[in-house]
Amino acid sequence: MATEDRSRAEAPRPALRELVKRRRAELGLSYVKLALRCVDPESGIQTVKDSWLHRLETGQSVLPPEYPAIVGMAAGLQVPLHVVQAAAGEQFFGISTVEAGSSRARALLARADRMTPEQVDALAAFLDVVAPRE
């Protein structure tokens, strides 16, 4: 998985808000019922409150969730942890996550982690020639 920092001038996208809204609707849950499901699997402790979920989903100001809340939300929303992490990172910190769609692409990304910065730059330049960005 590669990440890119977005410009500070660009407003963060409501990624976590949209994820919560979509999954809550798909699961047919109220804010209260979703909050009760947002439990840290290891400790059994509820990690978010229904009022926080409501403020998040309705676009009101909320503090960014800490890691235990993200773990609990992944459980409550029934999505992989990395999905909630990526959505929170995008909404609260302006981090845009790009996921590899195929096993070949993931294998290439794994190799890139072992490359020097100069090698990564050379590979990026090569890819710009053979497979320009859309």
N, C-alpha and C. Protein backbone atom coordinates (compact mmCIF):
# COMPACT_ATOMS: atom_id res chain seq x y z
N MET A 1 0.84 -1.16 0.00
CA MET A 1 0.00 0.00 0.00
C MET A 1 0.89 1.23 0.00
N ALA A 2 0.65 2.18 -0.87
CA ALA A 2 1.41 3.41 -0.93
C ALA A 2 0.53 4.55 -0.47
N THR A 3 1.12 5.57 0.11
CA THR A 3 0.34 6.72 0.54
C THR A 3 0.94 7.97 -0.04
N GLU A 4 0.07 8.96 -0.22
CA GLU A 4 0.48 10.26 -0.69
C GLU A 4 -0.12 11.30 0.23
N ASP A 5 0.65 12.31 0.62
CA ASP A 5 0.12 13.41 1.40
C ASP A 5 -0.56 14.38 0.46
N ARG A 6 -1.80 14.75 0.79
CA ARG A 6 -2.51 15.71 -0.02
C ARG A 6 -2.13 17.12 0.41
N SER A 7 -2.33 18.06 -0.47
CA SER A 7 -2.03 19.45 -0.18
C SER A 7 -2.80 19.92 1.04
N ARG A 8 -2.15 20.71 1.88
CA ARG A 8 -2.81 21.25 3.08
C ARG A 8 -3.97 22.17 2.70
N ALA A 9 -3.90 22.79 1.52
CA ALA A 9 -4.96 23.70 1.11
C ALA A 9 -6.23 22.94 0.74
N GLU A 10 -6.10 21.69 0.39
CA GLU A 10 -7.24 20.87 -0.01
C GLU A 10 -7.97 20.39 1.23
N ALA A 11 -9.28 20.57 1.27
CA ALA A 11 -10.06 20.13 2.42
C ALA A 11 -10.10 18.61 2.48
N PRO A 12 -10.01 18.05 3.69
CA PRO A 12 -10.07 16.60 3.80
C PRO A 12 -11.41 16.06 3.31
N ARG A 13 -11.37 14.90 2.75
CA ARG A 13 -12.59 14.25 2.30
C ARG A 13 -13.26 13.59 3.50
N PRO A 14 -14.58 13.47 3.48
CA PRO A 14 -15.29 12.84 4.59
C PRO A 14 -15.28 11.32 4.50
N ALA A 15 -14.11 10.73 4.36
CA ALA A 15 -14.01 9.30 4.09
C ALA A 15 -14.58 8.43 5.21
N LEU A 16 -14.20 8.72 6.46
CA LEU A 16 -14.71 7.91 7.57
C LEU A 16 -16.20 8.15 7.74
N ARG A 17 -16.61 9.39 7.60
CA ARG A 17 -18.04 9.71 7.71
C ARG A 17 -18.84 8.91 6.70
N GLU A 18 -18.38 8.87 5.46
CA GLU A 18 -19.10 8.14 4.42
C GLU A 18 -19.08 6.63 4.66
N LEU A 19 -17.96 6.11 5.16
CA LEU A 19 -17.88 4.68 5.47
C LEU A 19 -18.88 4.32 6.56
N VAL A 20 -18.92 5.11 7.63
CA VAL A 20 -19.85 4.84 8.73
C VAL A 20 -21.29 4.94 8.25
N LYS A 21 -21.58 5.98 7.48
CA LYS A 21 -22.94 6.18 6.98
C LYS A 21 -23.39 5.01 6.11
N ARG A 22 -22.51 4.59 5.19
CA ARG A 22 -22.85 3.50 4.27
C ARG A 22 -23.03 2.18 5.01
N ARG A 23 -22.06 1.83 5.86
CA ARG A 23 -22.13 0.55 6.56
C ARG A 23 -23.27 0.51 7.57
N ARG A 24 -23.53 1.62 8.24
CA ARG A 24 -24.64 1.65 9.21
C ARG A 24 -25.96 1.40 8.48
N ALA A 25 -26.12 1.99 7.30
CA ALA A 25 -27.34 1.78 6.51
C ALA A 25 -27.41 0.33 6.03
N GLU A 26 -26.29 -0.20 5.53
CA GLU A 26 -26.28 -1.59 5.05
C GLU A 26 -26.61 -2.58 6.15
N LEU A 27 -26.14 -2.30 7.36
CA LEU A 27 -26.38 -3.20 8.49
C LEU A 27 -27.71 -2.93 9.18
N GLY A 28 -28.36 -1.83 8.82
CA GLY A 28 -29.66 -1.47 9.41
C GLY A 28 -29.57 -1.15 10.89
N LEU A 29 -28.53 -0.41 11.28
CA LEU A 29 -28.29 -0.14 12.70
C LEU A 29 -28.52 1.33 13.05
N SER A 30 -29.04 1.56 14.22
CA SER A 30 -29.11 2.92 14.76
C SER A 30 -27.72 3.29 15.27
N TYR A 31 -27.52 4.55 15.63
CA TYR A 31 -26.25 4.96 16.20
C TYR A 31 -25.96 4.20 17.50
N VAL A 32 -27.00 4.02 18.30
CA VAL A 32 -26.83 3.31 19.58
C VAL A 32 -26.41 1.87 19.35
N LYS A 33 -27.10 1.18 18.44
CA LYS A 33 -26.77 -0.22 18.17
C LYS A 33 -25.39 -0.38 17.56
N LEU A 34 -25.01 0.55 16.68
CA LEU A 34 -23.67 0.49 16.10
C LEU A 34 -22.63 0.72 17.19
N ALA A 35 -22.83 1.72 18.03
CA ALA A 35 -21.86 2.00 19.10
C ALA A 35 -21.69 0.79 20.02
N LEU A 36 -22.76 0.09 20.30
CA LEU A 36 -22.68 -1.10 21.16
C LEU A 36 -21.88 -2.22 20.50
N ARG A 37 -21.81 -2.21 19.18
CA ARG A 37 -21.03 -3.23 18.46
C ARG A 37 -19.57 -2.83 18.28
N CYS A 38 -19.26 -1.56 18.49
CA CYS A 38 -17.89 -1.06 18.33
C CYS A 38 -17.10 -1.38 19.59
N VAL A 39 -16.65 -2.61 19.67
CA VAL A 39 -15.99 -3.13 20.86
C VAL A 39 -14.60 -3.62 20.49
N ASP A 40 -13.64 -3.28 21.31
CA ASP A 40 -12.27 -3.79 21.11
C ASP A 40 -12.33 -5.30 21.33
N PRO A 41 -11.97 -6.10 20.32
CA PRO A 41 -12.07 -7.56 20.44
C PRO A 41 -11.22 -8.14 21.57
N GLU A 42 -10.11 -7.50 21.89
CA GLU A 42 -9.24 -8.03 22.95
C GLU A 42 -9.74 -7.68 24.34
N SER A 43 -10.14 -6.43 24.55
CA SER A 43 -10.53 -6.00 25.89
C SER A 43 -12.02 -6.14 26.16
N GLY A 44 -12.82 -6.17 25.09
CA GLY A 44 -14.27 -6.22 25.26
C GLY A 44 -14.87 -4.88 25.63
N ILE A 45 -14.08 -3.81 25.54
CA ILE A 45 -14.53 -2.47 25.92
C ILE A 45 -15.10 -1.75 24.70
N GLN A 46 -16.26 -1.11 24.91
CA GLN A 46 -16.86 -0.29 23.86
C GLN A 46 -15.95 0.90 23.60
N THR A 47 -15.66 1.18 22.33
CA THR A 47 -14.63 2.17 22.01
C THR A 47 -15.15 3.50 21.48
N VAL A 48 -16.40 3.56 21.05
CA VAL A 48 -16.99 4.83 20.61
C VAL A 48 -18.39 4.96 21.17
N LYS A 49 -18.82 6.20 21.28
CA LYS A 49 -20.18 6.48 21.78
C LYS A 49 -21.09 6.80 20.61
N ASP A 50 -22.36 6.55 20.80
CA ASP A 50 -23.33 6.83 19.75
C ASP A 50 -23.35 8.31 19.40
N SER A 51 -23.14 9.20 20.38
CA SER A 51 -23.15 10.64 20.11
C SER A 51 -21.98 11.02 19.19
N TRP A 52 -20.81 10.39 19.36
CA TRP A 52 -19.66 10.66 18.50
C TRP A 52 -19.97 10.20 17.07
N LEU A 53 -20.57 9.02 16.94
CA LEU A 53 -20.93 8.50 15.62
C LEU A 53 -21.92 9.44 14.93
N HIS A 54 -22.90 9.93 15.68
CA HIS A 54 -23.90 10.85 15.13
C HIS A 54 -23.24 12.14 14.65
N ARG A 55 -22.37 12.71 15.48
CA ARG A 55 -21.68 13.95 15.08
C ARG A 55 -20.80 13.71 13.86
N LEU A 56 -20.11 12.58 13.84
CA LEU A 56 -19.26 12.26 12.69
C LEU A 56 -20.10 12.17 11.42
N GLU A 57 -21.16 11.39 11.47
CA GLU A 57 -21.96 11.13 10.28
C GLU A 57 -22.70 12.36 9.79
N THR A 58 -23.05 13.26 10.69
CA THR A 58 -23.79 14.46 10.29
C THR A 58 -22.87 15.64 9.99
N GLY A 59 -21.56 15.40 9.98
CA GLY A 59 -20.61 16.43 9.58
C GLY A 59 -20.26 17.44 10.65
N GLN A 60 -20.62 17.15 11.90
CA GLN A 60 -20.25 18.04 12.98
C GLN A 60 -18.81 17.79 13.38
N SER A 61 -18.26 18.70 14.15
CA SER A 61 -16.88 18.60 14.58
C SER A 61 -16.70 17.44 15.57
N VAL A 62 -15.70 16.61 15.30
CA VAL A 62 -15.35 15.51 16.20
C VAL A 62 -13.83 15.42 16.28
N LEU A 63 -13.34 14.90 17.37
CA LEU A 63 -11.91 14.64 17.49
C LEU A 63 -11.57 13.39 16.68
N PRO A 64 -10.38 13.34 16.10
CA PRO A 64 -10.00 12.12 15.37
C PRO A 64 -10.01 10.92 16.30
N PRO A 65 -10.44 9.77 15.81
CA PRO A 65 -10.46 8.58 16.67
C PRO A 65 -9.05 8.09 16.95
N GLU A 66 -8.85 7.59 18.16
CA GLU A 66 -7.58 6.96 18.50
C GLU A 66 -7.63 5.50 18.05
N TYR A 67 -6.49 4.84 18.09
CA TYR A 67 -6.39 3.48 17.56
C TYR A 67 -7.44 2.52 18.15
N PRO A 68 -7.65 2.49 19.47
CA PRO A 68 -8.68 1.56 19.99
C PRO A 68 -10.07 1.81 19.40
N ALA A 69 -10.40 3.07 19.14
CA ALA A 69 -11.70 3.37 18.53
C ALA A 69 -11.75 2.85 17.10
N ILE A 70 -10.64 2.96 16.37
CA ILE A 70 -10.59 2.46 15.00
C ILE A 70 -10.75 0.94 14.98
N VAL A 71 -10.11 0.27 15.92
CA VAL A 71 -10.24 -1.20 16.02
C VAL A 71 -11.70 -1.56 16.32
N GLY A 72 -12.30 -0.85 17.26
CA GLY A 72 -13.70 -1.11 17.61
C GLY A 72 -14.64 -0.84 16.45
N MET A 73 -14.38 0.24 15.72
CA MET A 73 -15.24 0.55 14.57
C MET A 73 -15.12 -0.51 13.49
N ALA A 74 -13.93 -1.03 13.28
CA ALA A 74 -13.77 -2.11 12.30
C ALA A 74 -14.64 -3.30 12.69
N ALA A 75 -14.65 -3.64 13.97
CA ALA A 75 -15.49 -4.75 14.44
C ALA A 75 -16.96 -4.41 14.28
N GLY A 76 -17.35 -3.22 14.70
CA GLY A 76 -18.76 -2.83 14.65
C GLY A 76 -19.29 -2.69 13.24
N LEU A 77 -18.46 -2.18 12.34
CA LEU A 77 -18.88 -1.99 10.95
C LEU A 77 -18.70 -3.25 10.11
N GLN A 78 -18.04 -4.25 10.69
CA GLN A 78 -17.75 -5.51 10.00
C GLN A 78 -16.97 -5.29 8.71
N VAL A 79 -15.89 -4.53 8.85
CA VAL A 79 -14.98 -4.29 7.72
C VAL A 79 -13.56 -4.53 8.23
N PRO A 80 -12.62 -4.81 7.33
CA PRO A 80 -11.23 -4.99 7.76
C PRO A 80 -10.68 -3.73 8.41
N LEU A 81 -9.79 -3.92 9.36
CA LEU A 81 -9.18 -2.80 10.08
C LEU A 81 -8.55 -1.79 9.14
N HIS A 82 -7.85 -2.26 8.11
CA HIS A 82 -7.17 -1.33 7.21
C HIS A 82 -8.15 -0.40 6.49
N VAL A 83 -9.39 -0.82 6.32
CA VAL A 83 -10.39 0.03 5.66
C VAL A 83 -10.72 1.22 6.55
N VAL A 84 -10.92 0.97 7.84
CA VAL A 84 -11.23 2.05 8.78
C VAL A 84 -10.00 2.95 8.97
N GLN A 85 -8.82 2.35 9.06
CA GLN A 85 -7.59 3.13 9.19
C GLN A 85 -7.42 4.07 8.00
N ALA A 86 -7.62 3.56 6.80
CA ALA A 86 -7.46 4.38 5.60
C ALA A 86 -8.48 5.51 5.57
N ALA A 87 -9.73 5.21 5.92
CA ALA A 87 -10.78 6.23 5.91
C ALA A 87 -10.51 7.32 6.96
N ALA A 88 -10.07 6.91 8.15
CA ALA A 88 -9.75 7.89 9.19
C ALA A 88 -8.53 8.72 8.79
N GLY A 89 -7.53 8.08 8.23
CA GLY A 89 -6.34 8.80 7.79
C GLY A 89 -6.66 9.83 6.73
N GLU A 90 -7.53 9.46 5.82
CA GLU A 90 -7.91 10.38 4.75
C GLU A 90 -8.71 11.56 5.30
N GLN A 91 -9.70 11.27 6.14
CA GLN A 91 -10.57 12.34 6.63
C GLN A 91 -9.87 13.27 7.60
N PHE A 92 -9.11 12.73 8.54
CA PHE A 92 -8.57 13.55 9.60
C PHE A 92 -7.15 14.04 9.36
N PHE A 93 -6.39 13.35 8.53
CA PHE A 93 -4.99 13.71 8.34
C PHE A 93 -4.61 13.97 6.90
N GLY A 94 -5.59 13.91 5.98
CA GLY A 94 -5.32 14.21 4.58
C GLY A 94 -4.43 13.20 3.88
N ILE A 95 -4.41 11.97 4.38
CA ILE A 95 -3.59 10.93 3.78
C ILE A 95 -4.47 10.14 2.82
N SER A 96 -4.06 10.10 1.57
CA SER A 96 -4.80 9.35 0.57
C SER A 96 -4.10 8.01 0.36
N THR A 97 -4.80 6.94 0.59
CA THR A 97 -4.23 5.60 0.48
C THR A 97 -4.61 4.99 -0.86
N VAL A 98 -3.63 4.43 -1.51
CA VAL A 98 -3.86 3.75 -2.78
C VAL A 98 -3.59 2.28 -2.55
N GLU A 99 -4.59 1.44 -2.85
CA GLU A 99 -4.43 0.01 -2.65
C GLU A 99 -4.18 -0.68 -3.98
N ALA A 100 -3.37 -1.70 -3.92
CA ALA A 100 -3.10 -2.50 -5.11
C ALA A 100 -4.28 -3.43 -5.35
N GLY A 101 -4.78 -3.42 -6.57
CA GLY A 101 -5.96 -4.22 -6.88
C GLY A 101 -5.68 -5.67 -7.22
N SER A 102 -4.46 -5.99 -7.59
CA SER A 102 -4.17 -7.37 -7.98
C SER A 102 -2.98 -7.89 -7.19
N SER A 103 -2.81 -9.19 -7.22
CA SER A 103 -1.68 -9.79 -6.51
C SER A 103 -0.36 -9.39 -7.16
N ARG A 104 -0.35 -9.20 -8.46
CA ARG A 104 0.88 -8.75 -9.14
C ARG A 104 1.25 -7.34 -8.70
N ALA A 105 0.26 -6.47 -8.60
CA ALA A 105 0.52 -5.10 -8.15
C ALA A 105 1.02 -5.10 -6.71
N ARG A 106 0.43 -5.92 -5.84
CA ARG A 106 0.88 -6.01 -4.45
C ARG A 106 2.32 -6.51 -4.38
N ALA A 107 2.67 -7.46 -5.24
CA ALA A 107 4.03 -7.98 -5.27
C ALA A 107 5.01 -6.89 -5.68
N LEU A 108 4.62 -6.06 -6.64
CA LEU A 108 5.49 -4.93 -7.04
C LEU A 108 5.65 -3.93 -5.91
N LEU A 109 4.57 -3.64 -5.21
CA LEU A 109 4.65 -2.71 -4.09
C LEU A 109 5.55 -3.25 -2.98
N ALA A 110 5.48 -4.54 -2.73
CA ALA A 110 6.33 -5.14 -1.70
C ALA A 110 7.80 -4.99 -2.08
N ARG A 111 8.11 -5.14 -3.34
CA ARG A 111 9.49 -4.96 -3.80
C ARG A 111 9.92 -3.51 -3.67
N ALA A 112 9.03 -2.58 -3.92
CA ALA A 112 9.38 -1.16 -3.84
C ALA A 112 9.82 -0.78 -2.43
N ASP A 113 9.29 -1.44 -1.43
CA ASP A 113 9.69 -1.16 -0.04
C ASP A 113 11.15 -1.51 0.22
N ARG A 114 11.73 -2.34 -0.63
CA ARG A 114 13.13 -2.74 -0.46
C ARG A 114 14.09 -1.93 -1.33
N MET A 115 13.55 -0.96 -2.06
CA MET A 115 14.37 -0.16 -2.98
C MET A 115 14.87 1.11 -2.31
N THR A 116 15.96 1.63 -2.84
CA THR A 116 16.47 2.92 -2.37
C THR A 116 15.58 4.03 -2.94
N PRO A 117 15.63 5.22 -2.37
CA PRO A 117 14.84 6.32 -2.93
C PRO A 117 15.18 6.60 -4.39
N GLU A 118 16.44 6.47 -4.75
CA GLU A 118 16.84 6.70 -6.13
C GLU A 118 16.23 5.65 -7.07
N GLN A 119 16.20 4.40 -6.61
CA GLN A 119 15.60 3.34 -7.41
C GLN A 119 14.10 3.56 -7.58
N VAL A 120 13.45 4.01 -6.52
CA VAL A 120 12.01 4.28 -6.60
C VAL A 120 11.75 5.40 -7.60
N ASP A 121 12.58 6.46 -7.56
CA ASP A 121 12.42 7.56 -8.51
C ASP A 121 12.61 7.08 -9.94
N ALA A 122 13.62 6.24 -10.17
CA ALA A 122 13.88 5.71 -11.51
C ALA A 122 12.71 4.84 -11.98
N LEU A 123 12.17 4.02 -11.10
CA LEU A 123 11.03 3.19 -11.45
C LEU A 123 9.81 4.05 -11.77
N ALA A 124 9.58 5.09 -10.97
CA ALA A 124 8.45 5.98 -11.23
C ALA A 124 8.58 6.65 -12.59
N ALA A 125 9.79 7.09 -12.92
CA ALA A 125 10.02 7.72 -14.23
C ALA A 125 9.75 6.72 -15.36
N PHE A 126 10.20 5.49 -15.18
CA PHE A 126 9.96 4.45 -16.17
C PHE A 126 8.46 4.20 -16.34
N LEU A 127 7.74 4.09 -15.23
CA LEU A 127 6.29 3.83 -15.29
C LEU A 127 5.55 4.99 -15.94
N ASP A 128 6.03 6.22 -15.73
CA ASP A 128 5.40 7.37 -16.38
C ASP A 128 5.50 7.28 -17.91
N VAL A 129 6.56 6.63 -18.39
CA VAL A 129 6.74 6.48 -19.83
C VAL A 129 5.89 5.33 -20.38
N VAL A 130 5.93 4.18 -19.71
CA VAL A 130 5.23 3.00 -20.26
C VAL A 130 3.76 2.92 -19.86
N ALA A 131 3.40 3.54 -18.76
CA ALA A 131 2.01 3.51 -18.30
C ALA A 131 1.67 4.86 -17.67
N PRO A 132 1.47 5.89 -18.51
CA PRO A 132 1.22 7.24 -17.98
C PRO A 132 0.00 7.27 -17.06
N ARG A 133 0.02 8.21 -16.12
CA ARG A 133 -1.11 8.39 -15.21
C ARG A 133 -2.32 8.85 -15.98
N GLU A 134 -3.47 8.49 -15.49
CA GLU A 134 -4.73 8.86 -16.18
C GLU A 134 -5.14 10.25 -15.83
